Amino acid sequence: MSRMNRIQSLIAGAAMLCAIAPATAGVYKTSFEDTKAGAIDTFSDQDGITWVADGNAAVTAKFAKTGKQALHLLGGENRVVTVKLEGSAQKAKGVRFQAERWTGKDPFKCLLEAQVDGEWRKVGQLDHVIIVGKRMLSDITLAIPPGDTVEALRFTTSTPKDAGTLIDNFELLSEKPDKVTDIPEMLPVPTEPLPLVSETTVFTAGENDCHTYRIPAIITAPNGDLIASCDARWKTSADLIHARDIDIVIKRSTDNGKTWGPIEVVADYPDGTGGTDPSFILDRETGEIFVFYSYMGKKGQTKEFRFHVRSSKDNGKTWSEHRDITADIAPQDWSKGAFKFISSGRGSQMEDGTLIHNYVVLGKGAKIFGSRDHGKTWELMDSEIKPADESRVLELTDGRLMVNSRVGGGFRWVHISEDGGKTWDSKREIQLIDPKCNGAIIRYTSKKDGYAKDRLLFCNAGSQNGRKNLTVRISYDEGKTWSAGKVVDPGPSAYSELTILEDGSIGVLWEPGYNSIKFARFTLEALTDGKDKLTKPYEIK
């Protein structure tokens, strides 16, 4: 790790979304352990507290943050669960609990209200605070509106019928909490169109008798060729955990994405097995291109995901045999048998030459892995990062590491490490709205390389409700602030990836829905309304 410990400055103001108040005396606390599992109409596990669900909730013995049980606010529209208070509980000044959204699918609404002095008043609209993630990653602390008497609290939720919301470790506080959970407002959806140089379809469902092409990745080779990769899901659109028969394929463009050559199979697996979620790293010092993906054997033989990598030393024309690096980067005590996968799209390279990437263990977070010897060996480099699902990692110009993650709740999350990945400061990035979909962040330029400005680019489905509105943004201050964004495609938009072309223009590869994968090219001038342009020729990285 010594080569990575060249961090030069401190991050200012990084704060967790879910800031929990210091230890505050509670007037009531439950983890629902003393209530029989199953659907409930009413129950009381302490004098003066009565939960009234009227069939809208159940105590579940399957999910819990602590103990063995939790409260399940059932799926459906405008489900209401009320907590009636008597005696000392009516003097409560705050509420604290942990929660989990059951699914990322719409709709999702969660309103918490308090009946204070006979009037129902809003405590918090929690739509973009409660996130999807196993083990209830959302810690909620809120102040109850002031008044003489708090008669009741009330949850009102709307979720898909077969889903719902989980609550555990519910507590009423006797004092107003010093720190409360930040509840952001809905942000405007970008609408300004981004002028494009060109736009083409790269992969189309049904081509080469393939049912579905999904999960795009793209890299610019040292010779300027564009290499686009994805899953070839031959028989079904399902993910690898549900179906096999998936190979990793590429297409090549030698004219900046105007046209694309035939499909080439990089990882050709026997029927009943498969690989998924390709991602690239280019080693700028050696010119070698690495492609990573996750592999799974036949059903019934193993449920364990394995991590494979291949490489090319001739601009992606030929590829090495796969290497299994699972044991090198995935500790068995943390991930054996887990639903784990290397994040699709792109890894990156640090200034000192270290190659870095990440993988996800669903429900536990992400981990960084890398190589200090140009891909000869790979090793785990950090503690776990959470909350995090599919993520992107890069080095900032001052040596800190940044991880940008899909999480849920309508926003991206950003994690910063000042010590090479040993510890992380995490926050919800309210500038970057997101419908819990994989996006992309890459370095465009840095002053250290002789460019006039530090520039980062970010793209994703620029929406808080549904995978749509492919948007590109630019940052000139290492991700502290981002532009309002311009829209490549206002229609359906799932996964996406960015690359910089040999001439300095910018390319984006994305899924406009799930029937094709498209590529578009645009310029820095178009993204910035002519206010910015490169002052020196671009160097491929």
Protein backbone atom coordinates (compact mmCIF):
# COMPACT_ATOMS: atom_id res chain seq x y z
CA MET A 1 0.00 0.00 0.00
CA SER A 2 2.99 2.35 0.43
CA ARG A 3 2.98 3.41 -3.19
CA MET A 4 -0.60 4.59 -2.83
CA ASN A 5 -0.05 6.62 0.35
CA ARG A 6 0.76 9.92 -1.31
CA ILE A 7 -2.39 11.67 -0.29
CA GLN A 8 -1.80 15.43 0.00
CA SER A 9 -4.95 17.12 1.20
CA LEU A 10 -7.99 16.59 3.38
CA ILE A 11 -11.55 16.42 2.13
CA ALA A 12 -13.65 19.17 3.66
CA GLY A 13 -17.15 18.68 4.86
CA ALA A 14 -17.70 15.03 3.94
CA ALA A 15 -20.70 13.92 5.98
CA MET A 16 -22.79 10.82 6.11
CA LEU A 17 -26.38 11.15 4.95
CA CYS A 18 -27.64 9.19 7.86
CA ALA A 19 -26.12 11.13 10.74
CA ILE A 20 -27.33 9.59 13.98
CA ALA A 21 -27.65 11.70 17.10
CA PRO A 22 -25.42 11.02 20.09
CA ALA A 23 -26.82 8.66 22.69
CA THR A 24 -30.18 10.13 23.67
CA ALA A 25 -32.47 8.70 26.32
CA GLY A 26 -35.35 6.90 24.69
CA VAL A 27 -38.91 6.71 25.93
CA TYR A 28 -39.57 3.63 23.79
CA LYS A 29 -37.53 1.21 21.71
CA THR A 30 -38.48 -1.96 19.87
CA SER A 31 -36.87 -4.36 17.44
CA PHE A 32 -40.16 -6.28 17.17
CA GLU A 33 -38.77 -9.35 18.93
CA ASP A 34 -41.69 -9.70 21.36
CA THR A 35 -44.39 -9.82 18.70
CA LYS A 36 -45.50 -12.99 16.95
CA ALA A 37 -44.44 -13.13 13.32
CA GLY A 38 -47.17 -12.73 10.72
CA ALA A 39 -49.78 -10.22 9.58
CA ILE A 40 -50.90 -7.77 12.24
CA ASP A 41 -53.89 -5.54 12.89
CA THR A 42 -52.76 -4.19 16.26
CA PHE A 43 -50.07 -5.01 18.80
CA SER A 44 -48.49 -3.50 21.89
CA ASP A 45 -45.05 -4.45 23.22
CA GLN A 46 -44.90 -1.73 25.88
CA ASP A 47 -47.46 0.09 27.98
CA GLY A 48 -48.58 3.29 26.29
CA ILE A 49 -47.59 2.20 22.77
CA THR A 50 -50.02 0.59 20.33
CA TRP A 51 -49.26 -0.17 16.70
CA VAL A 52 -52.36 -0.12 14.49
CA ALA A 53 -51.84 -1.68 11.07
CA ASP A 54 -55.30 -2.85 9.98
CA GLY A 55 -53.69 -5.53 7.80
CA ASN A 56 -51.19 -3.12 6.26
CA ALA A 57 -48.16 -4.61 8.01
CA ALA A 58 -46.61 -7.84 9.21
CA VAL A 59 -43.84 -8.81 11.57
CA THR A 60 -41.34 -10.79 9.54
CA ALA A 61 -38.95 -13.40 10.92
CA LYS A 62 -37.02 -13.46 7.62
CA PHE A 63 -35.49 -9.98 7.61
CA ALA A 64 -33.96 -8.01 10.47
CA LYS A 65 -31.27 -5.46 11.16
CA THR A 66 -30.79 -6.74 14.69
CA GLY A 67 -32.38 -9.68 16.42
CA LYS A 68 -34.50 -12.04 14.36
CA GLN A 69 -37.52 -9.93 13.38
CA ALA A 70 -38.50 -6.64 11.77
CA LEU A 71 -41.67 -4.80 10.76
CA HIS A 72 -42.75 -5.14 7.14
CA LEU A 73 -44.94 -2.29 5.86
CA LEU A 74 -46.71 -4.24 3.13
CA GLY A 75 -46.77 -3.32 -0.54
CA GLY A 76 -49.66 -1.44 -2.08
CA GLU A 77 -50.94 2.09 -2.48
CA ASN A 78 -51.37 4.40 0.52
CA ARG A 79 -50.79 1.78 3.18
CA VAL A 80 -51.13 3.34 6.65
CA VAL A 81 -49.56 2.15 9.90
CA THR A 82 -50.13 4.26 13.04
CA VAL A 83 -48.26 4.26 16.36
CA LYS A 84 -50.62 5.51 19.10
CA LEU A 85 -48.92 7.05 22.13
CA GLU A 86 -50.00 7.43 25.74
CA GLY A 87 -48.38 8.60 28.96
CA SER A 88 -44.70 9.56 28.87
CA ALA A 89 -44.43 8.61 25.19
CA GLN A 90 -46.54 11.66 24.37
CA LYS A 91 -43.57 13.85 25.32
CA ALA A 92 -41.31 12.34 22.65
CA LYS A 93 -39.24 14.89 20.78
CA GLY A 94 -37.55 12.69 18.21
CA VAL A 95 -37.74 9.39 16.39
CA ARG A 96 -35.03 7.05 15.17
CA PHE A 97 -35.19 3.81 13.17
CA GLN A 98 -33.55 1.82 10.39
CA ALA A 99 -35.29 1.07 7.14
CA GLU A 100 -35.00 -0.62 3.78
CA ARG A 101 -36.85 -0.17 0.53
CA TRP A 102 -37.84 -3.61 -0.78
CA THR A 103 -37.24 -2.96 -4.50
CA GLY A 104 -35.98 -0.23 -6.79
CA LYS A 105 -39.13 -0.42 -8.88
CA ASP A 106 -41.62 2.44 -8.86
CA PRO A 107 -43.75 3.57 -7.15
CA PHE A 108 -42.12 4.38 -3.86
CA LYS A 109 -43.40 6.93 -1.35
CA CYS A 110 -42.93 6.98 2.39
CA LEU A 111 -44.29 9.79 4.53
CA LEU A 112 -43.89 9.97 8.31
CA GLU A 113 -46.28 12.29 10.19
CA ALA A 114 -46.90 13.13 13.83
CA GLN A 115 -50.21 14.04 15.44
CA VAL A 116 -49.23 16.97 17.68
CA ASP A 117 -51.86 18.71 19.79
CA GLY A 118 -54.57 17.15 17.64
CA GLU A 119 -53.06 18.18 14.27
CA TRP A 120 -51.24 15.88 11.82
CA ARG A 121 -47.91 17.44 10.88
CA LYS A 122 -45.16 16.26 8.53
CA VAL A 123 -42.05 14.75 10.14
CA GLY A 124 -40.30 13.68 6.94
CA GLN A 125 -40.91 12.69 3.33
CA LEU A 126 -38.57 9.72 3.11
CA ASP A 127 -38.87 8.79 -0.59
CA HIS A 128 -35.21 9.64 -1.31
CA VAL A 129 -33.79 8.69 2.07
CA ILE A 130 -34.80 5.05 2.40
CA ILE A 131 -32.70 3.07 -0.05
CA VAL A 132 -32.65 -0.45 -1.45
CA GLY A 133 -30.04 -2.61 0.27
CA LYS A 134 -29.90 -5.68 2.44
CA ARG A 135 -29.57 -5.24 6.21
CA MET A 136 -31.43 -1.92 6.28
CA LEU A 137 -28.72 0.53 5.32
CA SER A 138 -30.87 3.62 5.88
CA ASP A 139 -30.46 5.09 9.38
CA ILE A 140 -33.18 7.67 9.99
CA THR A 141 -33.15 10.25 12.80
CA LEU A 142 -35.82 12.99 12.77
CA ALA A 143 -37.20 15.64 15.09
CA ILE A 144 -40.90 15.56 15.95
CA PRO A 145 -42.58 18.95 15.42
CA PRO A 146 -42.83 20.88 18.72
CA GLY A 147 -45.99 20.89 20.79
CA ASP A 148 -47.44 19.92 24.14
CA THR A 149 -48.67 16.43 23.31
CA VAL A 150 -47.73 13.89 20.64
CA GLU A 151 -50.73 11.60 20.25
CA ALA A 152 -49.47 9.40 17.42
CA LEU A 153 -47.02 8.82 14.58
CA ARG A 154 -48.16 7.61 11.18
CA PHE A 155 -46.39 5.95 8.24
CA THR A 156 -48.07 6.21 4.84
CA THR A 157 -46.37 4.20 2.10
CA SER A 158 -46.94 3.40 -1.56
CA THR A 159 -44.87 0.57 -3.05
CA PRO A 160 -45.33 -2.23 -5.60
CA LYS A 161 -47.90 -4.73 -4.36
CA ASP A 162 -45.43 -7.57 -3.86
CA ALA A 163 -42.82 -5.37 -2.15
CA GLY A 164 -42.99 -2.91 0.73
CA THR A 165 -40.72 -1.29 3.31
CA LEU A 166 -38.83 -2.81 6.26
CA ILE A 167 -38.47 -1.06 9.64
CA ASP A 168 -36.33 -2.13 12.59
CA ASN A 169 -34.92 -0.69 15.83
CA PHE A 170 -37.69 1.88 16.12
CA GLU A 171 -37.10 4.36 18.96
CA LEU A 172 -38.83 7.42 20.41
CA LEU A 173 -36.40 9.96 21.88
CA SER A 174 -36.99 12.05 24.99
CA GLU A 175 -34.84 14.92 23.69
CA LYS A 176 -34.71 16.65 20.34
CA PRO A 177 -31.82 15.07 18.39
CA ASP A 178 -28.82 17.31 17.73
CA LYS A 179 -28.31 15.84 14.28
CA VAL A 180 -31.10 14.76 11.98
CA THR A 181 -31.17 12.98 8.65
CA ASP A 182 -30.87 15.33 5.70
CA ILE A 183 -33.90 15.04 3.42
CA PRO A 184 -33.16 16.53 -0.01
CA GLU A 185 -35.77 17.98 -2.31
CA MET A 186 -36.45 16.59 -5.78
CA LEU A 187 -34.05 18.09 -8.30
CA PRO A 188 -34.97 19.29 -11.79
CA VAL A 189 -34.49 16.72 -14.53
CA PRO A 190 -32.02 17.86 -17.25
CA THR A 191 -33.76 18.69 -20.51
CA GLU A 192 -31.29 20.61 -22.69
CA PRO A 193 -30.30 18.44 -25.68
CA LEU A 194 -26.62 17.73 -26.37
CA PRO A 195 -25.70 18.25 -30.05
CA LEU A 196 -24.10 15.09 -31.42
CA VAL A 197 -21.45 14.59 -34.10
CA SER A 198 -22.76 11.12 -34.91
CA GLU A 199 -24.99 8.34 -33.57
CA THR A 200 -25.01 4.66 -34.51
CA THR A 201 -26.45 1.36 -33.32
CA VAL A 202 -23.69 -1.07 -32.37
CA PHE A 203 -25.55 -4.17 -31.15
CA THR A 204 -29.15 -5.15 -31.95
CA ALA A 205 -31.25 -7.88 -30.36
CA GLY A 206 -31.57 -10.82 -32.75
CA GLU A 207 -28.28 -10.10 -34.54
CA ASN A 208 -26.22 -13.30 -34.93
CA ASP A 209 -29.21 -15.20 -33.48
CA CYS A 210 -28.58 -13.63 -30.07
CA HIS A 211 -31.63 -12.98 -27.93
CA THR A 212 -30.30 -9.90 -26.12
CA TYR A 213 -27.16 -7.77 -25.92
CA ARG A 214 -26.70 -6.05 -22.56
CA ILE A 215 -24.18 -4.33 -20.25
CA PRO A 216 -22.03 -2.03 -22.44
CA ALA A 217 -18.33 -1.31 -21.96
CA ILE A 218 -16.03 0.70 -24.21
CA ILE A 219 -12.34 1.62 -24.37
CA THR A 220 -10.18 3.60 -26.79
CA ALA A 221 -7.19 1.47 -27.74
CA PRO A 222 -3.68 2.99 -27.99
CA ASN A 223 -3.98 3.02 -31.81
CA GLY A 224 -7.24 4.97 -31.64
CA ASP A 225 -9.61 2.07 -32.38
CA LEU A 226 -12.80 1.94 -30.33
CA ILE A 227 -13.57 -1.43 -28.71
CA ALA A 228 -17.16 -1.89 -27.57
CA SER A 229 -18.06 -4.91 -25.48
CA CYS A 230 -21.20 -6.41 -23.92
CA ASP A 231 -22.94 -9.61 -22.84
CA ALA A 232 -24.23 -11.79 -25.68
CA ARG A 233 -27.19 -13.36 -23.91
CA TRP A 234 -27.92 -16.02 -26.47
CA LYS A 235 -31.18 -17.57 -25.25
CA THR A 236 -32.79 -15.13 -22.80
CA SER A 237 -32.42 -11.61 -21.48
CA ALA A 238 -31.97 -12.83 -17.90
CA ASP A 239 -28.89 -12.05 -15.80
CA LEU A 240 -26.23 -14.71 -15.26
CA ILE A 241 -27.49 -15.64 -11.80
CA HIS A 242 -30.78 -16.74 -13.37
CA ALA A 243 -29.56 -18.09 -16.71
CA ARG A 244 -26.29 -19.19 -18.33
CA ASP A 245 -25.32 -19.27 -22.04
CA ILE A 246 -23.80 -15.79 -21.95
CA ASP A 247 -20.55 -14.90 -23.74
CA ILE A 248 -18.49 -11.70 -23.78
CA VAL A 249 -18.34 -10.15 -27.26
CA ILE A 250 -16.81 -7.07 -28.85
CA LYS A 251 -17.10 -4.93 -31.95
CA ARG A 252 -14.44 -2.57 -33.28
CA SER A 253 -14.61 0.84 -34.94
CA THR A 254 -11.67 2.32 -36.83
CA ASP A 255 -13.45 5.56 -37.83
CA ASN A 256 -14.43 7.16 -34.51
CA GLY A 257 -17.64 5.19 -34.17
CA LYS A 258 -19.20 5.91 -37.55
CA THR A 259 -19.16 2.23 -38.49
CA TRP A 260 -18.54 -0.99 -36.57
CA GLY A 261 -17.05 -4.29 -37.61
CA PRO A 262 -18.43 -7.79 -37.05
CA ILE A 263 -18.98 -9.39 -33.67
CA GLU A 264 -15.95 -11.11 -32.15
CA VAL A 265 -16.26 -13.44 -29.17
CA VAL A 266 -13.70 -12.69 -26.45
CA ALA A 267 -14.95 -15.20 -23.88
CA ASP A 268 -16.68 -18.18 -25.51
CA TYR A 269 -18.07 -20.51 -22.84
CA PRO A 270 -19.67 -23.95 -23.21
CA ASP A 271 -23.46 -24.14 -23.12
CA GLY A 272 -24.82 -23.94 -19.62
CA THR A 273 -22.02 -21.68 -18.37
CA GLY A 274 -21.32 -18.02 -18.93
CA GLY A 275 -19.65 -14.70 -18.25
CA THR A 276 -21.20 -11.30 -17.64
CA ASP A 277 -20.60 -7.59 -17.01
CA PRO A 278 -17.49 -6.74 -19.05
CA SER A 279 -15.24 -3.87 -18.04
CA PHE A 280 -11.95 -2.47 -19.34
CA ILE A 281 -8.72 -0.93 -18.08
CA LEU A 282 -6.02 0.46 -20.39
CA ASP A 283 -2.50 0.46 -18.95
CA ARG A 284 -1.14 3.68 -20.41
CA GLU A 285 2.46 2.68 -19.70
CA THR A 286 2.41 -0.71 -21.48
CA GLY A 287 -0.52 -0.26 -23.87
CA GLU A 288 -2.07 -3.50 -22.61
CA ILE A 289 -5.88 -3.65 -22.43
CA PHE A 290 -7.54 -5.72 -19.71
CA VAL A 291 -11.12 -6.97 -19.87
CA PHE A 292 -12.78 -8.24 -16.68
CA TYR A 293 -16.02 -10.14 -16.22
CA SER A 294 -17.75 -12.50 -13.81
CA TYR A 295 -18.14 -16.20 -14.57
CA MET A 296 -20.53 -18.87 -13.31
CA GLY A 297 -20.58 -22.60 -14.03
CA LYS A 298 -23.52 -24.86 -14.76
CA LYS A 299 -26.60 -24.77 -12.58
CA GLY A 300 -26.53 -27.36 -9.85
CA GLN A 301 -22.72 -27.54 -9.89
CA THR A 302 -21.91 -24.19 -8.32
CA LYS A 303 -23.61 -20.97 -7.39
CA GLU A 304 -20.37 -19.12 -6.86
CA PHE A 305 -19.41 -16.24 -9.12
CA ARG A 306 -15.77 -16.30 -10.20
CA PHE A 307 -13.74 -13.32 -11.40
CA HIS A 308 -11.95 -13.68 -14.76
CA VAL A 309 -9.61 -11.36 -16.65
CA ARG A 310 -8.11 -11.49 -20.14
CA SER A 311 -5.74 -9.03 -21.78
CA SER A 312 -4.61 -7.85 -25.19
CA LYS A 313 -1.26 -6.39 -26.24
CA ASP A 314 -2.30 -5.65 -29.83
CA ASN A 315 -5.16 -3.15 -29.44
CA GLY A 316 -7.77 -5.81 -28.79
CA LYS A 317 -7.13 -7.89 -31.92
CA THR A 318 -6.21 -10.99 -29.93
CA TRP A 319 -6.80 -11.87 -26.30
CA SER A 320 -5.03 -14.04 -23.76
CA GLU A 321 -6.62 -17.05 -22.10
CA HIS A 322 -8.68 -16.16 -19.06
CA ARG A 323 -7.12 -15.98 -15.60
CA ASP A 324 -9.20 -16.64 -12.50
CA ILE A 325 -8.31 -13.97 -9.91
CA THR A 326 -11.12 -14.71 -7.45
CA ALA A 327 -8.85 -16.05 -4.70
CA ASP A 328 -6.53 -13.04 -5.08
CA ILE A 329 -9.13 -10.33 -4.59
CA ALA A 330 -12.18 -11.86 -2.87
CA PRO A 331 -11.64 -13.10 0.71
CA GLN A 332 -13.65 -16.26 1.21
CA ASP A 333 -14.88 -15.25 4.64
CA TRP A 334 -16.49 -12.16 3.11
CA SER A 335 -17.82 -13.35 -0.20
CA LYS A 336 -17.88 -17.14 -0.65
CA GLY A 337 -21.13 -18.18 -2.25
CA ALA A 338 -22.33 -14.56 -2.33
CA PHE A 339 -23.95 -12.77 -5.24
CA LYS A 340 -20.83 -10.88 -6.30
CA PHE A 341 -19.66 -9.33 -9.53
CA ILE A 342 -17.03 -6.96 -10.92
CA SER A 343 -18.69 -3.65 -11.77
CA SER A 344 -19.22 -3.35 -15.50
CA GLY A 345 -17.85 -0.55 -17.63
CA ARG A 346 -14.44 0.74 -16.64
CA GLY A 347 -11.63 0.63 -14.10
CA SER A 348 -8.84 3.21 -14.06
CA GLN A 349 -5.13 3.82 -13.50
CA MET A 350 -3.48 5.90 -10.81
CA GLU A 351 -0.67 8.37 -11.42
CA ASP A 352 1.93 5.92 -10.08
CA GLY A 353 0.77 3.26 -12.55
CA THR A 354 -1.39 1.21 -10.18
CA LEU A 355 -4.44 -0.28 -11.93
CA ILE A 356 -7.61 -0.07 -9.81
CA HIS A 357 -11.10 -1.50 -10.14
CA ASN A 358 -13.95 -2.66 -7.88
CA TYR A 359 -16.39 -5.46 -7.31
CA VAL A 360 -19.69 -5.69 -5.45
CA VAL A 361 -21.03 -8.22 -2.99
CA LEU A 362 -24.73 -7.53 -3.12
CA GLY A 363 -26.03 -6.30 0.21
CA LYS A 364 -22.55 -5.83 1.69
CA GLY A 365 -21.05 -3.08 -0.46
CA ALA A 366 -18.05 -2.72 -2.76
CA LYS A 367 -14.33 -3.43 -2.52
CA ILE A 368 -11.38 -2.02 -4.45
CA PHE A 369 -8.82 -4.31 -6.04
CA GLY A 370 -5.85 -3.56 -8.21
CA SER A 371 -2.42 -4.35 -9.59
CA ARG A 372 0.92 -2.64 -8.94
CA ASP A 373 2.83 -4.67 -11.52
CA HIS A 374 0.91 -3.91 -14.72
CA GLY A 375 -1.55 -6.74 -14.36
CA LYS A 376 0.81 -9.59 -13.59
CA THR A 377 -0.80 -10.01 -10.17
CA TRP A 378 -3.99 -8.66 -8.59
CA GLU A 379 -4.80 -8.02 -4.94
CA LEU A 380 -7.45 -6.62 -2.64
CA MET A 381 -6.71 -3.03 -1.66
CA ASP A 382 -9.33 -1.76 0.77
CA SER A 383 -11.99 -2.20 3.40
CA GLU A 384 -15.59 -2.47 2.23
CA ILE A 385 -17.40 0.59 0.93
CA LYS A 386 -21.07 1.04 1.73
CA PRO A 387 -23.70 1.82 0.81
CA ALA A 388 -22.62 0.80 -2.67
CA ASP A 389 -23.77 -1.28 -5.59
CA GLU A 390 -22.10 -1.09 -9.02
CA SER A 391 -19.43 1.59 -8.69
CA ARG A 392 -16.63 3.45 -10.48
CA VAL A 393 -13.28 4.28 -8.90
CA LEU A 394 -10.67 6.83 -9.93
CA GLU A 395 -7.84 8.85 -8.43
CA LEU A 396 -8.30 12.57 -7.90
CA THR A 397 -5.48 14.96 -8.73
CA ASP A 398 -4.50 15.33 -5.06
CA GLY A 399 -4.08 11.57 -4.62
CA ARG A 400 -7.38 10.79 -2.92
CA LEU A 401 -9.54 7.97 -4.26
CA MET A 402 -13.14 8.60 -5.32
CA VAL A 403 -15.79 5.92 -5.70
CA ASN A 404 -19.08 6.87 -7.37
CA SER A 405 -21.86 4.35 -6.66
CA ARG A 406 -25.40 3.48 -7.59
CA VAL A 407 -27.34 2.93 -4.39
CA GLY A 408 -30.96 3.99 -4.73
CA GLY A 409 -33.11 6.65 -3.16
CA GLY A 410 -32.90 8.92 -6.21
CA PHE A 411 -29.23 9.94 -5.94
CA ARG A 412 -25.69 8.68 -6.48
CA TRP A 413 -23.36 8.17 -3.51
CA VAL A 414 -19.74 9.33 -3.44
CA HIS A 415 -17.04 7.80 -1.21
CA ILE A 416 -13.66 9.49 -0.64
CA SER A 417 -10.53 7.88 0.81
CA GLU A 418 -7.48 9.83 1.97
CA ASP A 419 -5.47 6.74 2.90
CA GLY A 420 -5.41 4.63 -0.24
CA GLY A 421 -8.71 2.87 0.44
CA LYS A 422 -8.25 1.84 4.07
CA THR A 423 -11.07 4.12 5.26
CA TRP A 424 -13.84 6.00 3.49
CA ASP A 425 -15.97 9.09 4.02
CA SER A 426 -19.31 8.61 2.30
CA LYS A 427 -22.13 10.92 1.35
CA ARG A 428 -25.17 11.02 -0.85
CA GLU A 429 -24.37 13.25 -3.84
CA ILE A 430 -27.48 15.36 -4.25
CA GLN A 431 -26.15 16.99 -7.44
CA LEU A 432 -26.33 13.65 -9.27
CA ILE A 433 -29.86 12.29 -9.52
CA ASP A 434 -30.09 8.59 -10.34
CA PRO A 435 -32.74 5.84 -10.64
CA LYS A 436 -30.37 3.19 -9.23
CA CYS A 437 -28.69 2.35 -12.52
CA ASN A 438 -25.05 1.85 -13.46
CA GLY A 439 -23.47 5.03 -14.78
CA ALA A 440 -19.96 6.20 -15.68
CA ILE A 441 -17.37 8.65 -14.42
CA ILE A 442 -13.99 9.12 -16.12
CA ARG A 443 -11.14 11.60 -16.12
CA TYR A 444 -11.00 13.71 -19.27
CA THR A 445 -7.97 15.90 -18.51
CA SER A 446 -5.76 17.07 -15.65
CA LYS A 447 -3.44 20.01 -15.21
CA LYS A 448 -0.68 17.57 -14.23
CA ASP A 449 -0.74 16.29 -17.82
CA GLY A 450 -0.33 19.78 -19.27
CA TYR A 451 -3.98 20.61 -19.92
CA ALA A 452 -5.46 23.96 -18.96
CA LYS A 453 -8.08 22.44 -16.63
CA ASP A 454 -8.91 19.44 -14.51
CA ARG A 455 -11.99 17.84 -16.05
CA LEU A 456 -14.15 14.90 -14.99
CA LEU A 457 -17.09 13.59 -17.02
CA PHE A 458 -20.14 11.78 -15.66
CA CYS A 459 -23.06 10.16 -17.46
CA ASN A 460 -26.11 8.23 -16.30
CA ALA A 461 -29.85 7.99 -16.63
CA GLY A 462 -30.60 11.53 -15.43
CA SER A 463 -33.83 10.76 -13.63
CA GLN A 464 -35.02 9.89 -10.14
CA ASN A 465 -37.94 7.86 -11.42
CA GLY A 466 -37.16 5.29 -14.07
CA ARG A 467 -34.22 4.50 -16.33
CA LYS A 468 -34.45 7.27 -18.90
CA ASN A 469 -32.94 10.60 -19.96
CA LEU A 470 -29.27 9.77 -20.68
CA THR A 471 -27.38 12.80 -19.38
CA VAL A 472 -23.73 13.94 -19.47
CA ARG A 473 -22.21 16.39 -16.96
CA ILE A 474 -18.77 17.95 -16.47
CA SER A 475 -16.86 18.95 -13.32
CA TYR A 476 -13.87 21.30 -13.13
CA ASP A 477 -13.18 20.86 -9.41
CA GLU A 478 -12.70 17.10 -9.05
CA GLY A 479 -16.36 16.33 -8.51
CA LYS A 480 -17.17 18.95 -5.87
CA THR A 481 -19.63 20.58 -8.28
CA TRP A 482 -21.19 19.39 -11.53
CA SER A 483 -22.80 21.11 -14.50
CA ALA A 484 -26.57 20.96 -14.93
CA GLY A 485 -26.08 18.36 -17.64
CA LYS A 486 -27.11 17.92 -21.25
CA VAL A 487 -29.26 15.13 -22.62
CA VAL A 488 -28.00 12.63 -25.19
CA ASP A 489 -31.28 10.71 -25.32
CA PRO A 490 -34.48 11.65 -23.42
CA GLY A 491 -35.96 8.19 -23.98
CA PRO A 492 -35.26 4.92 -22.17
CA SER A 493 -31.69 4.67 -20.89
CA ALA A 494 -30.16 1.90 -18.81
CA TYR A 495 -26.40 1.23 -18.43
CA SER A 496 -23.89 3.60 -20.06
CA GLU A 497 -20.14 4.13 -20.46
CA LEU A 498 -17.87 6.96 -21.63
CA THR A 499 -14.59 7.04 -23.53
CA ILE A 500 -12.38 9.77 -25.01
CA LEU A 501 -11.55 9.39 -28.69
CA GLU A 502 -8.18 9.94 -30.31
CA ASP A 503 -9.18 13.41 -31.56
CA GLY A 504 -10.35 14.52 -28.09
CA SER A 505 -14.05 14.15 -28.81
CA ILE A 506 -16.19 12.18 -26.36
CA GLY A 507 -18.03 8.93 -26.95
CA VAL A 508 -20.87 7.37 -24.99
CA LEU A 509 -22.11 3.77 -25.32
CA TRP A 510 -25.50 3.08 -23.78
CA GLU A 511 -28.60 0.94 -23.64
CA PRO A 512 -31.66 2.76 -25.06
CA GLY A 513 -33.90 0.24 -23.38
CA TYR A 514 -32.93 -3.41 -23.66
CA ASN A 515 -33.23 -4.17 -27.38
CA SER A 516 -30.03 -2.53 -28.59
CA ILE A 517 -26.81 -0.77 -27.62
CA LYS A 518 -25.99 2.56 -29.24
CA PHE A 519 -22.95 4.83 -29.57
CA ALA A 520 -22.91 8.62 -29.86
CA ARG A 521 -20.05 11.07 -30.30
CA PHE A 522 -19.97 14.71 -29.20
CA THR A 523 -17.44 17.43 -28.43
CA LEU A 524 -16.36 19.33 -25.35
CA GLU A 525 -17.46 22.54 -27.09
CA ALA A 526 -21.00 21.15 -27.54
CA LEU A 527 -21.19 20.03 -23.91
CA THR A 528 -20.14 23.49 -22.67
CA ASP A 529 -21.91 25.73 -25.22
CA GLY A 530 -18.56 26.70 -26.72
CA LYS A 531 -17.16 27.94 -23.41
CA ASP A 532 -14.47 25.27 -23.17
CA LYS A 533 -12.13 23.50 -25.57
CA LEU A 534 -8.89 21.55 -25.47
CA THR A 535 -5.74 23.67 -25.79
CA LYS A 536 -3.43 20.73 -26.65
CA PRO A 537 -3.87 17.44 -28.54
CA TYR A 538 -5.52 14.71 -26.52
CA GLU A 539 -3.40 11.81 -25.27
CA ILE A 540 -5.24 8.48 -24.99
CA LYS A 541 -5.47 7.17 -21.42
